[in-house]
C-alpha atoms as a PDB file:
ATOM      1  CA  MET A   1      91.041 114.299 123.201  1.00  0.00           C
ATOM      2  CA  THR A   2      93.905 116.632 123.455  1.00  0.00           C
ATOM      3  CA  GLU A   3      95.716 117.971 120.505  1.00  0.00           C
ATOM      4  CA  SER A   4      99.030 116.243 121.523  1.00  0.00           C
ATOM      5  CA  ASN A   5      97.006 113.041 121.482  1.00  0.00           C
ATOM      6  CA  GLU A   6      95.544 113.706 117.964  1.00  0.00           C
ATOM      7  CA  ASN A   7      99.261 114.206 116.509  1.00  0.00           C
ATOM      8  CA  LEU A   8     100.577 111.197 118.265  1.00  0.00           C
ATOM      9  CA  GLY A   9     100.330 109.025 115.238  1.00  0.00           C
ATOM     10  CA  GLN A  10     101.880 111.545 112.966  1.00  0.00           C
ATOM     11  CA  LEU A  11     104.625 111.846 115.549  1.00  0.00           C
ATOM     12  CA  LEU A  12     105.333 108.326 115.650  1.00  0.00           C
ATOM     13  CA  GLY A  13     105.372 108.068 111.965  1.00  0.00           C
ATOM     14  CA  SER A  14     107.720 110.941 111.559  1.00  0.00           C
ATOM     15  CA  THR A  15     109.978 109.615 114.299  1.00  0.00           C
ATOM     16  CA  ALA A  16     110.407 106.275 112.956  1.00  0.00           C
ATOM     17  CA  ARG A  17     111.071 107.760 109.633  1.00  0.00           C
ATOM     18  CA  ALA A  18     113.741 110.203 110.849  1.00  0.00           C
ATOM     19  CA  TRP A  19     115.535 107.405 112.833  1.00  0.00           C
ATOM     20  CA  ARG A  20     115.709 105.203 109.672  1.00  0.00           C
ATOM     21  CA  LEU A  21     116.979 107.902 107.542  1.00  0.00           C
ATOM     22  CA  ALA A  22     119.647 108.722 110.154  1.00  0.00           C
ATOM     23  CA  LEU A  23     120.507 105.140 110.155  1.00  0.00           C
ATOM     24  CA  ASP A  24     120.477 104.930 106.144  1.00  0.00           C
ATOM     25  CA  ARG A  25     122.919 107.805 106.205  1.00  0.00           C
ATOM     26  CA  ARG A  26     125.579 106.203 108.297  1.00  0.00           C
ATOM     27  CA  LEU A  27     125.298 102.719 106.662  1.00  0.00           C
ATOM     28  CA  ARG A  28     125.386 104.136 103.131  1.00  0.00           C
ATOM     29  CA  PRO A  29     129.333 104.058 103.309  1.00  0.00           C
ATOM     30  CA  LEU A  30     128.858 100.118 103.651  1.00  0.00           C
ATOM     31  CA  GLY A  31     127.052 100.114 100.229  1.00  0.00           C
ATOM     32  CA  LEU A  32     123.907  99.361 102.015  1.00  0.00           C
ATOM     33  CA  SER A  33     120.420 100.867 101.220  1.00  0.00           C
ATOM     34  CA  ARG A  34     117.616 100.487 103.833  1.00  0.00           C
ATOM     35  CA  ALA A  35     116.017  97.634 101.881  1.00  0.00           C
ATOM     36  CA  ARG A  36     119.622  95.809 101.882  1.00  0.00           C
ATOM     37  CA  TRP A  37     120.315  96.292 105.633  1.00  0.00           C
ATOM     38  CA  LEU A  38     116.872  95.388 106.710  1.00  0.00           C
ATOM     39  CA  VAL A  39     117.047  92.235 104.803  1.00  0.00           C
ATOM     40  CA  LEU A  40     120.524  91.474 106.366  1.00  0.00           C
ATOM     41  CA  LEU A  41     119.377  92.063 109.952  1.00  0.00           C
ATOM     42  CA  HIS A  42     116.364  90.067 109.512  1.00  0.00           C
ATOM     43  CA  LEU A  43     118.222  87.106 108.322  1.00  0.00           C
ATOM     44  CA  ALA A  44     121.033  87.486 110.899  1.00  0.00           C
ATOM     45  CA  ASN A  45     118.427  87.699 113.681  1.00  0.00           C
ATOM     46  CA  ALA A  46     116.564  84.446 112.325  1.00  0.00           C
ATOM     47  CA  LYS A  47     117.491  81.129 114.132  1.00  0.00           C
ATOM     48  CA  GLN A  48     117.395  79.396 110.929  1.00  0.00           C
ATOM     49  CA  PRO A  49     117.485  80.502 107.054  1.00  0.00           C
ATOM     50  CA  LEU A  50     114.193  81.990 106.262  1.00  0.00           C
ATOM     51  CA  THR A  51     112.094  81.489 103.051  1.00  0.00           C
ATOM     52  CA  GLN A  52     111.661  84.269 100.845  1.00  0.00           C
ATOM     53  CA  LYS A  53     107.975  84.244 101.780  1.00  0.00           C
ATOM     54  CA  ASP A  54     108.821  84.453 105.590  1.00  0.00           C
ATOM     55  CA  LEU A  55     111.119  87.209 104.917  1.00  0.00           C
ATOM     56  CA  ALA A  56     108.685  89.125 102.937  1.00  0.00           C
ATOM     57  CA  ALA A  57     106.120  88.975 105.526  1.00  0.00           C
ATOM     58  CA  ARG A  58     108.851  90.213 108.027  1.00  0.00           C
ATOM     59  CA  LEU A  59     109.764  92.972 105.902  1.00  0.00           C
ATOM     60  CA  GLU A  60     106.002  93.879 105.344  1.00  0.00           C
ATOM     61  CA  VAL A  61     106.288  93.794 101.589  1.00  0.00           C
ATOM     62  CA  GLU A  62     104.864  91.512  98.878  1.00  0.00           C
ATOM     63  CA  GLY A  63     106.731  88.500  97.473  1.00  0.00           C
ATOM     64  CA  PRO A  64     107.556  89.851  94.110  1.00  0.00           C
ATOM     65  CA  THR A  65     109.028  92.796  95.702  1.00  0.00           C
ATOM     66  CA  VAL A  66     111.390  90.766  97.958  1.00  0.00           C
ATOM     67  CA  VAL A  67     112.281  88.319  95.188  1.00  0.00           C
ATOM     68  CA  GLY A  68     113.710  91.261  92.987  1.00  0.00           C
ATOM     69  CA  LEU A  69     115.584  92.750  96.055  1.00  0.00           C
ATOM     70  CA  LEU A  70     117.001  89.199  96.620  1.00  0.00           C
ATOM     71  CA  ASP A  71     118.066  88.774  93.087  1.00  0.00           C
ATOM     72  CA  ARG A  72     119.944  91.782  93.226  1.00  0.00           C
ATOM     73  CA  MET A  73     121.452  91.114  96.623  1.00  0.00           C
ATOM     74  CA  GLU A  74     122.313  87.633  95.309  1.00  0.00           C
ATOM     75  CA  ALA A  75     124.292  89.009  92.289  1.00  0.00           C
ATOM     76  CA  ASP A  76     126.161  91.283  94.586  1.00  0.00           C
ATOM     77  CA  GLY A  77     127.224  88.534  96.833  1.00  0.00           C
ATOM     78  CA  TRP A  78     125.193  89.323  99.998  1.00  0.00           C
ATOM     79  CA  VAL A  79     122.833  86.298  99.935  1.00  0.00           C
ATOM     80  CA  SER A  80     122.374  82.995  98.725  1.00  0.00           C
ATOM     81  CA  ARG A  81     119.164  81.050  97.924  1.00  0.00           C
ATOM     82  CA  ARG A  82     118.767  77.156  97.969  1.00  0.00           C
ATOM     83  CA  PRO A  83     115.531  75.000  97.692  1.00  0.00           C
ATOM     84  CA  SER A  84     114.062  74.200 101.050  1.00  0.00           C
ATOM     85  CA  ASN A  85     114.255  70.724 102.099  1.00  0.00           C
ATOM     86  CA  GLN A  86     110.630  70.704 102.953  1.00  0.00           C
ATOM     87  CA  ASP A  87     109.235  71.943  99.867  1.00  0.00           C
ATOM     88  CA  ARG A  88     111.233  72.403  96.745  1.00  0.00           C
ATOM     89  CA  ARG A  89     109.068  75.350  95.315  1.00  0.00           C
ATOM     90  CA  SER A  90     110.198  77.274  98.233  1.00  0.00           C
ATOM     91  CA  LYS A  91     113.776  79.040  98.515  1.00  0.00           C
ATOM     92  CA  ARG A  92     115.417  79.451 101.991  1.00  0.00           C
ATOM     93  CA  VAL A  93     117.612  82.688 101.959  1.00  0.00           C
ATOM     94  CA  ALA A  94     121.062  82.591 103.804  1.00  0.00           C
ATOM     95  CA  LEU A  95     123.598  85.229 104.341  1.00  0.00           C
ATOM     96  CA  THR A  96     127.045  84.899 102.523  1.00  0.00           C
ATOM     97  CA  PRO A  97     130.370  85.537 104.347  1.00  0.00           C
ATOM     98  CA  LYS A  98     130.425  88.865 102.802  1.00  0.00           C
ATOM     99  CA  ALA A  99     127.141  89.647 104.525  1.00  0.00           C
ATOM    100  CA  GLN A 100     128.128  88.335 107.782  1.00  0.00           C
ATOM    101  CA  ASP A 101     131.360  90.438 107.834  1.00  0.00           C
ATOM    102  CA  VAL A 102     129.043  93.564 107.745  1.00  0.00           C
ATOM    103  CA  ILE A 103     126.645  92.619 110.537  1.00  0.00           C
ATOM    104  CA  ARG A 104     128.786  93.651 113.207  1.00  0.00           C
ATOM    105  CA  PRO A 105     129.490  97.165 111.715  1.00  0.00           C
ATOM    106  CA  ILE A 106     125.678  97.501 111.237  1.00  0.00           C
ATOM    107  CA  ARG A 107     124.733  96.424 114.610  1.00  0.00           C
ATOM    108  CA  ALA A 108     127.482  98.802 116.025  1.00  0.00           C
ATOM    109  CA  THR A 109     126.521 101.718 113.895  1.00  0.00           C
ATOM    110  CA  ALA A 110     122.711 101.342 114.880  1.00  0.00           C
ATOM    111  CA  ALA A 111     123.852 101.049 118.433  1.00  0.00           C
ATOM    112  CA  GLY A 112     125.963 103.955 118.371  1.00  0.00           C
ATOM    113  CA  LEU A 113     122.804 106.055 116.695  1.00  0.00           C
ATOM    114  CA  ARG A 114     120.527 104.720 119.374  1.00  0.00           C
ATOM    115  CA  GLY A 115     122.706 105.985 121.909  1.00  0.00           C
ATOM    116  CA  GLU A 116     122.846 109.584 120.624  1.00  0.00           C
ATOM    117  CA  LEU A 117     119.132 109.203 120.245  1.00  0.00           C
ATOM    118  CA  PHE A 118     118.469 108.227 123.732  1.00  0.00           C
ATOM    119  CA  GLU A 119     120.972 110.806 125.252  1.00  0.00           C
ATOM    120  CA  GLY A 120     119.466 112.521 128.137  1.00  0.00           C
ATOM    121  CA  LEU A 121     116.857 109.763 128.839  1.00  0.00           C
ATOM    122  CA  THR A 122     116.718 107.907 131.867  1.00  0.00           C
ATOM    123  CA  ASP A 123     116.366 104.031 131.844  1.00  0.00           C
ATOM    124  CA  ALA A 124     112.865 104.653 133.484  1.00  0.00           C
ATOM    125  CA  GLU A 125     111.801 107.013 130.838  1.00  0.00           C
ATOM    126  CA  LEU A 126     112.928 104.487 127.895  1.00  0.00           C
ATOM    127  CA  GLU A 127     111.020 101.630 129.655  1.00  0.00           C
ATOM    128  CA  THR A 128     107.895 103.528 129.944  1.00  0.00           C
ATOM    129  CA  CYS A 129     108.166 104.606 126.349  1.00  0.00           C
ATOM    130  CA  ALA A 130     108.522 101.005 125.321  1.00  0.00           C
ATOM    131  CA  LYS A 131     105.849 100.132 127.441  1.00  0.00           C
ATOM    132  CA  VAL A 132     103.453 102.610 125.943  1.00  0.00           C
ATOM    133  CA  LEU A 133     104.584 101.808 122.457  1.00  0.00           C
ATOM    134  CA  GLY A 134     103.930  98.104 122.888  1.00  0.00           C
ATOM    135  CA  HIS A 135     100.764  98.734 124.233  1.00  0.00           C
ATOM    136  CA  ILE A 136      99.610 100.998 121.055  1.00  0.00           C
ATOM    137  CA  LYS A 137     101.073  98.334 118.708  1.00  0.00           C
ATOM    138  CA  LYS A 138      99.004  95.590 120.226  1.00  0.00           C
ATOM    139  CA  ALA A 139      95.933  97.457 120.245  1.00  0.00           C
ATOM    140  CA  ALA A 140      96.701  98.515 116.594  1.00  0.00           C
ATOM    141  CA  GLU A 141      97.121  94.806 115.584  1.00  0.00           C
ATOM    142  CA  ARG A 142      93.822  93.956 117.223  1.00  0.00           C
ATOM    143  CA  ALA A 143      91.787  97.103 115.607  1.00  0.00           C
ATOM    144  CA  ASP A 144      89.693  96.129 112.627  1.00  0.00           C
END
């Protein structure tokens, strides 16, 4: 195994972190931390309101962590929670109009940053990168 192969995991992690930090800096003027914009985007991308449990799974955090975050976001007017029709113990989370108004600027900011980060790369290079990363992700999910 070459040195570049051995450092690939570290490079993947540090690249993802640098990308998130750059987006965090750009979204800060909207009053959004990473935790908040991730919640908003997951809810915006869902076909229907998510339960708190489903949202926690998508965010890869524990239930109590997402409950505390949602408590603060609900108090600030970003989300609303309602009992699920299927299970009254479960709560569904939905975006408020305030949150819906900020989704477009979040997506535009993310797209602008993505354009800057991908500058100088060809479509073929990006497709190859996505294919390789997808392969590594699937292999890691199968690994014991």
